[in-house]
PDB file of N, CA and C in Angstrom:
ATOM      1  N   ALA A   1     107.230 101.423  82.281  1.00  0.00           N
ATOM      2  CA  ALA A   1     106.683 100.249  82.929  1.00  0.00           C
ATOM      3  C   ALA A   1     107.124 100.217  84.390  1.00  0.00           C
ATOM      4  N   LEU A   2     106.225  99.779  85.231  1.00  0.00           N
ATOM      5  CA  LEU A   2     106.520  99.642  86.652  1.00  0.00           C
ATOM      6  C   LEU A   2     106.771  98.185  86.977  1.00  0.00           C
ATOM      7  N   THR A   3     107.752  97.955  87.804  1.00  0.00           N
ATOM      8  CA  THR A   3     108.022  96.588  88.224  1.00  0.00           C
ATOM      9  C   THR A   3     108.136  96.544  89.736  1.00  0.00           C
ATOM     10  N   THR A   4     107.790  95.418  90.284  1.00  0.00           N
ATOM     11  CA  THR A   4     107.964  95.213  91.720  1.00  0.00           C
ATOM     12  C   THR A   4     108.640  93.871  91.931  1.00  0.00           C
ATOM     13  N   LYS A   5     109.131  93.695  93.105  1.00  0.00           N
ATOM     14  CA  LYS A   5     109.766  92.431  93.456  1.00  0.00           C
ATOM     15  C   LYS A   5     108.869  91.660  94.413  1.00  0.00           C
ATOM     16  N   SER A   6     107.569  91.695  94.149  1.00  0.00           N
ATOM     17  CA  SER A   6     106.632  91.074  95.090  1.00  0.00           C
ATOM     18  C   SER A   6     106.824  89.568  95.174  1.00  0.00           C
ATOM     19  N   SER A   7     107.195  88.915  94.069  1.00  0.00           N
ATOM     20  CA  SER A   7     107.374  87.470  94.148  1.00  0.00           C
ATOM     21  C   SER A   7     108.550  87.116  95.047  1.00  0.00           C
ATOM     22  N   SER A   8     109.641  87.919  95.001  1.00  0.00           N
ATOM     23  CA  SER A   8     110.768  87.619  95.875  1.00  0.00           C
ATOM     24  C   SER A   8     110.421  87.928  97.330  1.00  0.00           C
ATOM     25  N   LEU A   9     109.581  88.958  97.548  1.00  0.00           N
ATOM     26  CA  LEU A   9     109.146  89.272  98.902  1.00  0.00           C
ATOM     27  C   LEU A   9     108.348  88.113  99.473  1.00  0.00           C
ATOM     28  N   CYS A  10     107.426  87.585  98.694  1.00  0.00           N
ATOM     29  CA  CYS A  10     106.635  86.442  99.150  1.00  0.00           C
ATOM     30  C   CYS A  10     107.526  85.246  99.431  1.00  0.00           C
ATOM     31  N   ALA A  11     108.533  85.040  98.587  1.00  0.00           N
ATOM     32  CA  ALA A  11     109.444  83.922  98.798  1.00  0.00           C
ATOM     33  C   ALA A  11     110.236  84.121 100.076  1.00  0.00           C
ATOM     34  N   ASP A  12     110.671  85.359 100.336  1.00  0.00           N
ATOM     35  CA  ASP A  12     111.423  85.640 101.555  1.00  0.00           C
ATOM     36  C   ASP A  12     110.586  85.358 102.789  1.00  0.00           C
ATOM     37  N   ILE A  13     109.328  85.720 102.737  1.00  0.00           N
ATOM     38  CA  ILE A  13     108.458  85.536 103.897  1.00  0.00           C
ATOM     39  C   ILE A  13     108.147  84.062 104.115  1.00  0.00           C
ATOM     40  N   THR A  14     107.833  83.344 103.046  1.00  0.00           N
ATOM     41  CA  THR A  14     107.433  81.951 103.205  1.00  0.00           C
ATOM     42  C   THR A  14     108.610  81.008 103.426  1.00  0.00           C
ATOM     43  N   ASN A  15     109.806  81.375 102.987  1.00  0.00           N
ATOM     44  CA  ASN A  15     110.968  80.498 103.128  1.00  0.00           C
ATOM     45  C   ASN A  15     111.844  80.890 104.301  1.00  0.00           C
ATOM     46  N   ASN A  16     111.293  81.500 105.301  1.00  0.00           N
ATOM     47  CA  ASN A  16     112.073  81.940 106.448  1.00  0.00           C
ATOM     48  C   ASN A  16     111.991  80.915 107.581  1.00  0.00           C
ATOM     49  N   ASP A  17     112.316  79.677 107.261  1.00  0.00           N
ATOM     50  CA  ASP A  17     112.260  78.606 108.256  1.00  0.00           C
ATOM     51  C   ASP A  17     113.430  78.649 109.227  1.00  0.00           C
ATOM     52  N   ALA A  18     114.514  79.320 108.848  1.00  0.00           N
ATOM     53  CA  ALA A  18     115.710  79.354 109.688  1.00  0.00           C
ATOM     54  C   ALA A  18     115.576  80.329 110.846  1.00  0.00           C
ATOM     55  N   GLY A  19     114.495  81.088 110.883  1.00  0.00           N
ATOM     56  CA  GLY A  19     114.295  82.048 111.955  1.00  0.00           C
ATOM     57  C   GLY A  19     115.130  83.302 111.789  1.00  0.00           C
ATOM     58  N   GLU A  20     115.578  83.564 110.584  1.00  0.00           N
ATOM     59  CA  GLU A  20     116.375  84.760 110.328  1.00  0.00           C
ATOM     60  C   GLU A  20     115.497  85.999 110.391  1.00  0.00           C
ATOM     61  N   GLU A  21     116.115  87.096 110.796  1.00  0.00           N
ATOM     62  CA  GLU A  21     115.386  88.355 110.859  1.00  0.00           C
ATOM     63  C   GLU A  21     115.178  88.892 109.450  1.00  0.00           C
ATOM     64  N   LEU A  22     113.944  89.220 109.132  1.00  0.00           N
ATOM     65  CA  LEU A  22     113.640  89.779 107.821  1.00  0.00           C
ATOM     66  C   LEU A  22     113.909  91.270 107.829  1.00  0.00           C
ATOM     67  N   THR A  23     114.616  91.749 106.853  1.00  0.00           N
ATOM     68  CA  THR A  23     114.875  93.184 106.743  1.00  0.00           C
ATOM     69  C   THR A  23     114.197  93.694 105.490  1.00  0.00           C
ATOM     70  N   PRO A  24     113.592  94.872 105.576  1.00  0.00           N
ATOM     71  CA  PRO A  24     112.888  95.393 104.404  1.00  0.00           C
ATOM     72  C   PRO A  24     113.870  95.850 103.325  1.00  0.00           C
ATOM     73  N   SER A  25     113.469  95.656 102.095  1.00  0.00           N
ATOM     74  CA  SER A  25     114.278  96.114 100.978  1.00  0.00           C
ATOM     75  C   SER A  25     114.084  97.611 100.804  1.00  0.00           C
ATOM     76  N   ASP A  26     114.888  98.221  99.966  1.00  0.00           N
ATOM     77  CA  ASP A  26     114.745  99.646  99.682  1.00  0.00           C
ATOM     78  C   ASP A  26     113.368  99.952  99.109  1.00  0.00           C
ATOM     79  N   THR A  27     112.879  99.087  98.238  1.00  0.00           N
ATOM     80  CA  THR A  27     111.564  99.292  97.636  1.00  0.00           C
ATOM     81  C   THR A  27     110.470  99.248  98.687  1.00  0.00           C
ATOM     82  N   GLU A  28     110.548  98.277  99.577  1.00  0.00           N
ATOM     83  CA  GLU A  28     109.547  98.158 100.632  1.00  0.00           C
ATOM     84  C   GLU A  28     109.579  99.366 101.556  1.00  0.00           C
ATOM     85  N   THR A  29     110.759  99.848 101.857  1.00  0.00           N
ATOM     86  CA  THR A  29     110.910 101.022 102.717  1.00  0.00           C
ATOM     87  C   THR A  29     110.302 102.247 102.046  1.00  0.00           C
ATOM     88  N   LYS A  30     110.549 102.422 100.768  1.00  0.00           N
ATOM     89  CA  LYS A  30     109.992 103.569 100.038  1.00  0.00           C
ATOM     90  C   LYS A  30     108.473 103.500  99.967  1.00  0.00           C
ATOM     91  N   ILE A  31     107.934 102.309  99.769  1.00  0.00           N
ATOM     92  CA  ILE A  31     106.479 102.135  99.731  1.00  0.00           C
ATOM     93  C   ILE A  31     105.877 102.491 101.085  1.00  0.00           C
ATOM     94  N   LEU A  32     106.502 102.048 102.162  1.00  0.00           N
ATOM     95  CA  LEU A  32     106.025 102.356 103.506  1.00  0.00           C
ATOM     96  C   LEU A  32     106.079 103.857 103.768  1.00  0.00           C
ATOM     97  N   GLN A  33     107.163 104.506 103.366  1.00  0.00           N
ATOM     98  CA  GLN A  33     107.281 105.955 103.551  1.00  0.00           C
ATOM     99  C   GLN A  33     106.199 106.691 102.766  1.00  0.00           C
ATOM    100  N   LEU A  34     105.948 106.252 101.555  1.00  0.00           N
ATOM    101  CA  LEU A  34     104.912 106.879 100.739  1.00  0.00           C
ATOM    102  C   LEU A  34     103.536 106.693 101.372  1.00  0.00           C
ATOM    103  N   ALA A  35     103.262 105.508 101.876  1.00  0.00           N
ATOM    104  CA  ALA A  35     101.972 105.239 102.514  1.00  0.00           C
ATOM    105  C   ALA A  35     101.782 106.064 103.772  1.00  0.00           C
ATOM    106  N   GLN A  36     102.855 106.314 104.510  1.00  0.00           N
ATOM    107  CA  GLN A  36     102.761 107.060 105.755  1.00  0.00           C
ATOM    108  C   GLN A  36     102.831 108.570 105.555  1.00  0.00           C
ATOM    109  N   SER A  37     103.184 109.019 104.362  1.00  0.00           N
ATOM    110  CA  SER A  37     103.335 110.458 104.129  1.00  0.00           C
ATOM    111  C   SER A  37     102.015 111.207 104.332  1.00  0.00           C
ATOM    112  N   HIS A  38     100.909 110.549 104.123  1.00  0.00           N
ATOM    113  CA  HIS A  38      99.598 111.167 104.351  1.00  0.00           C
ATOM    114  C   HIS A  38      99.465 111.609 105.810  1.00  0.00           C
ATOM    115  N   PHE A  39      99.916 110.769 106.731  1.00  0.00           N
ATOM    116  CA  PHE A  39      99.803 111.083 108.157  1.00  0.00           C
ATOM    117  C   PHE A  39     100.669 112.278 108.535  1.00  0.00           C
ATOM    118  N   VAL A  40     101.847 112.360 107.938  1.00  0.00           N
ATOM    119  CA  VAL A  40     102.733 113.500 108.205  1.00  0.00           C
ATOM    120  C   VAL A  40     102.081 114.781 107.707  1.00  0.00           C
ATOM    121  N   GLY A  41     101.488 114.734 106.525  1.00  0.00           N
ATOM    122  CA  GLY A  41     100.812 115.909 105.976  1.00  0.00           C
ATOM    123  C   GLY A  41      99.631 116.353 106.823  1.00  0.00           C
ATOM    124  N   GLN A  42      98.866 115.404 107.301  1.00  0.00           N
ATOM    125  CA  GLN A  42      97.725 115.739 108.150  1.00  0.00           C
ATOM    126  C   GLN A  42      98.171 116.303 109.497  1.00  0.00           C
ATOM    127  N   ALA A  43      99.240 115.752 110.059  1.00  0.00           N
ATOM    128  CA  ALA A  43      99.767 116.279 111.324  1.00  0.00           C
ATOM    129  C   ALA A  43     100.290 117.694 111.133  1.00  0.00           C
ATOM    130  N   LEU A  44     100.979 117.936 110.019  1.00  0.00           N
ATOM    131  CA  LEU A  44     101.488 119.279 109.735  1.00  0.00           C
ATOM    132  C   LEU A  44     100.346 120.269 109.558  1.00  0.00           C
ATOM    133  N   LEU A  45      99.302 119.872 108.862  1.00  0.00           N
ATOM    134  CA  LEU A  45      98.136 120.732 108.683  1.00  0.00           C
ATOM    135  C   LEU A  45      97.513 121.088 110.029  1.00  0.00           C
ATOM    136  N   THR A  46      97.396 120.115 110.905  1.00  0.00           N
ATOM    137  CA  THR A  46      96.840 120.356 112.241  1.00  0.00           C
ATOM    138  C   THR A  46      97.713 121.325 113.026  1.00  0.00           C
ATOM    139  N   LEU A  47      99.029 121.141 112.979  1.00  0.00           N
ATOM    140  CA  LEU A  47      99.941 122.045 113.683  1.00  0.00           C
ATOM    141  C   LEU A  47      99.824 123.466 113.155  1.00  0.00           C
ATOM    142  N   LEU A  48      99.644 123.600 111.859  1.00  0.00           N
ATOM    143  CA  LEU A  48      99.468 124.931 111.262  1.00  0.00           C
ATOM    144  C   LEU A  48      98.161 125.565 111.724  1.00  0.00           C
ATOM    145  N   ARG A  49      97.085 124.798 111.713  1.00  0.00           N
ATOM    146  CA  ARG A  49      95.767 125.332 112.100  1.00  0.00           C
ATOM    147  C   ARG A  49      95.711 125.739 113.567  1.00  0.00           C
ATOM    148  N   VAL A  50      96.389 124.977 114.425  1.00  0.00           N
ATOM    149  CA  VAL A  50      96.375 125.268 115.861  1.00  0.00           C
ATOM    150  C   VAL A  50      97.254 126.470 116.187  1.00  0.00           C
ATOM    151  N   GLY A  51      98.252 126.716 115.367  1.00  0.00           N
ATOM    152  CA  GLY A  51      99.143 127.852 115.588  1.00  0.00           C
ATOM    153  C   GLY A  51     100.518 127.479 116.104  1.00  0.00           C
ATOM    154  N   VAL A  52     100.827 126.200 116.094  1.00  0.00           N
ATOM    155  CA  VAL A  52     102.120 125.740 116.605  1.00  0.00           C
ATOM    156  C   VAL A  52     103.264 126.302 115.771  1.00  0.00           C
ATOM    157  N   MET A  53     103.120 126.295 114.467  1.00  0.00           N
ATOM    158  CA  MET A  53     104.209 126.759 113.607  1.00  0.00           C
ATOM    159  C   MET A  53     104.448 128.259 113.785  1.00  0.00           C
ATOM    160  N   ASP A  54     103.397 129.018 114.067  1.00  0.00           N
ATOM    161  CA  ASP A  54     103.557 130.451 114.338  1.00  0.00           C
ATOM    162  C   ASP A  54     104.382 130.674 115.600  1.00  0.00           C
ATOM    163  N   VAL A  55     104.155 129.850 116.601  1.00  0.00           N
ATOM    164  CA  VAL A  55     104.866 129.973 117.871  1.00  0.00           C
ATOM    165  C   VAL A  55     106.315 129.515 117.720  1.00  0.00           C
ATOM    166  N   LEU A  56     106.538 128.435 116.984  1.00  0.00           N
ATOM    167  CA  LEU A  56     107.882 127.888 116.864  1.00  0.00           C
ATOM    168  C   LEU A  56     108.836 128.802 116.115  1.00  0.00           C
ATOM    169  N   HIS A  57     108.332 129.556 115.161  1.00  0.00           N
ATOM    170  CA  HIS A  57     109.243 130.405 114.394  1.00  0.00           C
ATOM    171  C   HIS A  57     109.694 131.636 115.190  1.00  0.00           C
ATOM    172  N   MET A  58     109.049 131.919 116.318  1.00  0.00           N
ATOM    173  CA  MET A  58     109.388 133.093 117.128  1.00  0.00           C
ATOM    174  C   MET A  58     110.609 132.873 118.017  1.00  0.00           C
ATOM    175  N   THR A  59     110.861 131.654 118.422  1.00  0.00           N
ATOM    176  CA  THR A  59     111.937 131.389 119.383  1.00  0.00           C
ATOM    177  C   THR A  59     112.779 130.214 118.908  1.00  0.00           C
ATOM    178  N   GLU A  60     113.758 129.878 119.713  1.00  0.00           N
ATOM    179  CA  GLU A  60     114.640 128.775 119.342  1.00  0.00           C
ATOM    180  C   GLU A  60     114.034 127.417 119.692  1.00  0.00           C
ATOM    181  N   ALA A  61     114.058 127.016 120.934  1.00  0.00           N
ATOM    182  CA  ALA A  61     113.544 125.707 121.328  1.00  0.00           C
ATOM    183  C   ALA A  61     112.530 125.871 122.455  1.00  0.00           C
ATOM    184  N   LEU A  62     111.438 125.141 122.325  1.00  0.00           N
ATOM    185  CA  LEU A  62     110.375 125.185 123.333  1.00  0.00           C
ATOM    186  C   LEU A  62     109.965 123.776 123.707  1.00  0.00           C
ATOM    187  N   THR A  63     109.551 123.602 124.937  1.00  0.00           N
ATOM    188  CA  THR A  63     108.961 122.332 125.342  1.00  0.00           C
ATOM    189  C   THR A  63     107.509 122.319 124.872  1.00  0.00           C
ATOM    190  N   VAL A  64     106.890 121.166 124.928  1.00  0.00           N
ATOM    191  CA  VAL A  64     105.484 121.054 124.526  1.00  0.00           C
ATOM    192  C   VAL A  64     104.613 121.937 125.416  1.00  0.00           C
ATOM    193  N   ASP A  65     104.886 121.962 126.718  1.00  0.00           N
ATOM    194  CA  ASP A  65     104.111 122.800 127.633  1.00  0.00           C
ATOM    195  C   ASP A  65     104.282 124.286 127.316  1.00  0.00           C
ATOM    196  N   GLU A  66     105.496 124.691 126.943  1.00  0.00           N
ATOM    197  CA  GLU A  66     105.735 126.088 126.574  1.00  0.00           C
ATOM    198  C   GLU A  66     105.007 126.455 125.278  1.00  0.00           C
ATOM    199  N   ILE A  67     104.961 125.523 124.352  1.00  0.00           N
ATOM    200  CA  ILE A  67     104.227 125.759 123.100  1.00  0.00           C
ATOM    201  C   ILE A  67     102.753 125.982 123.400  1.00  0.00           C
ATOM    202  N   ILE A  68     102.189 125.130 124.238  1.00  0.00           N
ATOM    203  CA  ILE A  68     100.766 125.258 124.594  1.00  0.00           C
ATOM    204  C   ILE A  68     100.512 126.598 125.277  1.00  0.00           C
ATOM    205  N   THR A  69     101.378 126.984 126.196  1.00  0.00           N
ATOM    206  CA  THR A  69     101.222 128.268 126.903  1.00  0.00           C
ATOM    207  C   THR A  69     101.257 129.433 125.925  1.00  0.00           C
ATOM    208  N   LYS A  70     102.206 129.423 124.999  1.00  0.00           N
ATOM    209  CA  LYS A  70     102.320 130.514 124.027  1.00  0.00           C
ATOM    210  C   LYS A  70     101.117 130.569 123.094  1.00  0.00           C
ATOM    211  N   ILE A  71     100.607 129.414 122.694  1.00  0.00           N
ATOM    212  CA  ILE A  71      99.415 129.396 121.841  1.00  0.00           C
ATOM    213  C   ILE A  71      98.234 129.979 122.599  1.00  0.00           C
ATOM    214  N   ASN A  72      98.060 129.561 123.838  1.00  0.00           N
ATOM    215  CA  ASN A  72      96.957 130.083 124.651  1.00  0.00           C
ATOM    216  C   ASN A  72      97.095 131.577 124.886  1.00  0.00           C
ATOM    217  N   ASP A  73      98.322 132.079 125.032  1.00  0.00           N
ATOM    218  CA  ASP A  73      98.546 133.518 125.225  1.00  0.00           C
ATOM    219  C   ASP A  73      98.192 134.317 123.970  1.00  0.00           C
ATOM    220  N   THR A  74      98.508 133.779 122.804  1.00  0.00           N
ATOM    221  CA  THR A  74      98.221 134.503 121.563  1.00  0.00           C
ATOM    222  C   THR A  74      96.758 134.418 121.165  1.00  0.00           C
ATOM    223  N   LYS A  75      96.063 133.388 121.598  1.00  0.00           N
ATOM    224  CA  LYS A  75      94.646 133.212 121.269  1.00  0.00           C
ATOM    225  C   LYS A  75      93.827 133.312 122.544  1.00  0.00           C
ATOM    226  N   LYS A  76      93.820 134.479 123.129  1.00  0.00           N
ATOM    227  CA  LYS A  76      93.159 134.677 124.425  1.00  0.00           C
ATOM    228  C   LYS A  76      91.663 134.412 124.387  1.00  0.00           C
ATOM    229  N   ALA A  77      91.038 134.663 123.258  1.00  0.00           N
ATOM    230  CA  ALA A  77      89.587 134.481 123.155  1.00  0.00           C
ATOM    231  C   ALA A  77      89.206 133.015 122.952  1.00  0.00           C
ATOM    232  N   SER A  78      90.189 132.174 122.661  1.00  0.00           N
ATOM    233  CA  SER A  78      89.905 130.773 122.377  1.00  0.00           C
ATOM    234  C   SER A  78      89.554 130.019 123.653  1.00  0.00           C
ATOM    235  N   THR A  79      88.542 129.197 123.563  1.00  0.00           N
ATOM    236  CA  THR A  79      88.139 128.383 124.715  1.00  0.00           C
ATOM    237  C   THR A  79      88.553 126.928 124.537  1.00  0.00           C
ATOM    238  N   SER A  80      89.182 126.609 123.409  1.00  0.00           N
ATOM    239  CA  SER A  80      89.573 125.223 123.166  1.00  0.00           C
ATOM    240  C   SER A  80      90.837 124.878 123.943  1.00  0.00           C
ATOM    241  N   THR A  81      90.955 123.613 124.295  1.00  0.00           N
ATOM    242  CA  THR A  81      92.137 123.157 124.992  1.00  0.00           C
ATOM    243  C   THR A  81      92.958 122.289 124.046  1.00  0.00           C
ATOM    244  N   ILE A  82      94.255 122.289 124.245  1.00  0.00           N
ATOM    245  CA  ILE A  82      95.143 121.500 123.408  1.00  0.00           C
ATOM    246  C   ILE A  82      95.565 120.269 124.192  1.00  0.00           C
ATOM    247  N   ASN A  83      95.384 119.118 123.594  1.00  0.00           N
ATOM    248  CA  ASN A  83      95.774 117.859 124.212  1.00  0.00           C
ATOM    249  C   ASN A  83      97.295 117.740 124.135  1.00  0.00           C
ATOM    250  N   ARG A  84      97.947 117.747 125.293  1.00  0.00           N
ATOM    251  CA  ARG A  84      99.407 117.730 125.349  1.00  0.00           C
ATOM    252  C   ARG A  84      99.984 116.504 124.664  1.00  0.00           C
ATOM    253  N   GLU A  85      99.442 115.340 124.942  1.00  0.00           N
ATOM    254  CA  GLU A  85      99.954 114.091 124.367  1.00  0.00           C
ATOM    255  C   GLU A  85      99.790 114.070 122.845  1.00  0.00           C
ATOM    256  N   ALA A  86      98.655 114.532 122.360  1.00  0.00           N
ATOM    257  CA  ALA A  86      98.423 114.568 120.912  1.00  0.00           C
ATOM    258  C   ALA A  86      99.372 115.551 120.231  1.00  0.00           C
ATOM    259  N   LEU A  87      99.617 116.688 120.875  1.00  0.00           N
ATOM    260  CA  LEU A  87     100.557 117.665 120.324  1.00  0.00           C
ATOM    261  C   LEU A  87     101.963 117.072 120.279  1.00  0.00           C
ATOM    262  N   PHE A  88     102.369 116.415 121.349  1.00  0.00           N
ATOM    263  CA  PHE A  88     103.686 115.787 121.398  1.00  0.00           C
ATOM    264  C   PHE A  88     103.843 114.767 120.280  1.00  0.00           C
ATOM    265  N   ARG A  89     102.857 113.920 120.105  1.00  0.00           N
ATOM    266  CA  ARG A  89     102.920 112.884 119.063  1.00  0.00           C
ATOM    267  C   ARG A  89     102.928 113.490 117.667  1.00  0.00           C
ATOM    268  N   SER A  90     102.144 114.530 117.468  1.00  0.00           N
ATOM    269  CA  SER A  90     102.115 115.199 116.155  1.00  0.00           C
ATOM    270  C   SER A  90     103.463 115.841 115.843  1.00  0.00           C
ATOM    271  N   LEU A  91     104.064 116.467 116.838  1.00  0.00           N
ATOM    272  CA  LEU A  91     105.386 117.071 116.638  1.00  0.00           C
ATOM    273  C   LEU A  91     106.437 115.998 116.333  1.00  0.00           C
ATOM    274  N   ARG A  92     106.375 114.893 117.033  1.00  0.00           N
ATOM    275  CA  ARG A  92     107.328 113.801 116.766  1.00  0.00           C
ATOM    276  C   ARG A  92     107.162 113.260 115.360  1.00  0.00           C
ATOM    277  N   LEU A  93     105.914 113.141 114.908  1.00  0.00           N
ATOM    278  CA  LEU A  93     105.654 112.648 113.560  1.00  0.00           C
ATOM    279  C   LEU A  93     106.187 113.620 112.515  1.00  0.00           C
ATOM    280  N   VAL A  94     105.953 114.902 112.712  1.00  0.00           N
ATOM    281  CA  VAL A  94     106.419 115.911 111.754  1.00  0.00           C
ATOM    282  C   VAL A  94     107.950 115.995 111.773  1.00  0.00           C
ATOM    283  N   CYS A  95     108.561 115.649 112.887  1.00  0.00           N
ATOM    284  CA  CYS A  95     110.029 115.606 112.954  1.00  0.00           C
ATOM    285  C   CYS A  95     110.605 114.641 111.928  1.00  0.00           C
ATOM    286  N   THR A  96     109.890 113.577 111.642  1.00  0.00           N
ATOM    287  CA  THR A  96     110.397 112.588 110.693  1.00  0.00           C
ATOM    288  C   THR A  96     110.539 113.151 109.291  1.00  0.00           C
ATOM    289  N   SER A  97     109.801 114.218 108.982  1.00  0.00           N
ATOM    290  CA  SER A  97     109.883 114.818 107.653  1.00  0.00           C
ATOM    291  C   SER A  97     110.939 115.919 107.583  1.00  0.00           C
ATOM    292  N   GLY A  98     111.454 116.332 108.734  1.00  0.00           N
ATOM    293  CA  GLY A  98     112.481 117.358 108.759  1.00  0.00           C
ATOM    294  C   GLY A  98     111.954 118.781 108.826  1.00  0.00           C
ATOM    295  N   VAL A  99     110.638 118.957 108.939  1.00  0.00           N
ATOM    296  CA  VAL A  99     110.054 120.302 109.025  1.00  0.00           C
ATOM    297  C   VAL A  99     110.421 120.962 110.345  1.00  0.00           C
ATOM    298  N   VAL A 100     110.359 120.209 111.415  1.00  0.00           N
ATOM    299  CA  VAL A 100     110.787 120.676 112.725  1.00  0.00           C
ATOM    300  C   VAL A 100     111.795 119.672 113.263  1.00  0.00           C
ATOM    301  N   GLY A 101     112.551 120.087 114.246  1.00  0.00           N
ATOM    302  CA  GLY A 101     113.534 119.196 114.833  1.00  0.00           C
ATOM    303  C   GLY A 101     113.304 119.046 116.316  1.00  0.00           C
ATOM    304  N   GLU A 102     113.726 117.919 116.822  1.00  0.00           N
ATOM    305  CA  GLU A 102     113.594 117.661 118.255  1.00  0.00           C
ATOM    306  C   GLU A 102     114.965 117.844 118.891  1.00  0.00           C
ATOM    307  N   THR A 103     114.968 118.456 120.030  1.00  0.00           N
ATOM    308  CA  THR A 103     116.206 118.666 120.758  1.00  0.00           C
ATOM    309  C   THR A 103     115.965 118.402 122.229  1.00  0.00           C
ATOM    310  N   THR A 104     117.012 118.156 122.948  1.00  0.00           N
ATOM    311  CA  THR A 104     116.862 118.011 124.390  1.00  0.00           C
ATOM    312  C   THR A 104     117.027 119.393 124.990  1.00  0.00           C
ATOM    313  N   LYS A 105     116.184 119.707 125.927  1.00  0.00           N
ATOM    314  CA  LYS A 105     116.219 121.008 126.566  1.00  0.00           C
ATOM    315  C   LYS A 105     116.269 120.785 128.055  1.00  0.00           C
ATOM    316  N   GLU A 106     117.256 121.384 128.694  1.00  0.00           N
ATOM    317  CA  GLU A 106     117.385 121.263 130.141  1.00  0.00           C
ATOM    318  C   GLU A 106     116.261 122.075 130.793  1.00  0.00           C
ATOM    319  N   VAL A 107     115.565 121.434 131.713  1.00  0.00           N
ATOM    320  CA  VAL A 107     114.489 122.108 132.427  1.00  0.00           C
ATOM    321  C   VAL A 107     114.944 122.311 133.866  1.00  0.00           C
ATOM    322  N   ASN A 108     114.952 123.560 134.295  1.00  0.00           N
ATOM    323  CA  ASN A 108     115.366 123.911 135.655  1.00  0.00           C
ATOM    324  C   ASN A 108     114.144 123.919 136.552  1.00  0.00           C
ATOM    325  N   GLU A 109     114.103 123.005 137.497  1.00  0.00           N
ATOM    326  CA  GLU A 109     112.945 122.909 138.380  1.00  0.00           C
ATOM    327  C   GLU A 109     113.349 123.403 139.768  1.00  0.00           C
ATOM    328  N   ASN A 110     113.333 124.688 139.977  1.00  0.00           N
ATOM    329  CA  ASN A 110     113.674 125.276 141.274  1.00  0.00           C
ATOM    330  C   ASN A 110     112.450 125.550 142.079  1.00  0.00           C
TER     331      ASN A 110
END
């Protein structure tokens, strides 16, 4: 049998006259993670299709611009362009699942 605490959630929301900050319960957090897992899967699929994962496994850490350059170098016949902002957001989303990691990289601008 499945149970939820929806009645207590409704009570928490409606009885919040004191202006207290509402914090999600463990159940609510798990439900949200499950609902959002579809987006992580779709972002990962897109990264695989574009070739990002092929490029990332070759080196240690790359910036988004370096990833785009390497993809374009490996797919010379391709005429498609990669949206930098969309790639950045997709990588950040996939970071939440632990498939890839984000690191700070010093950029030397000489």
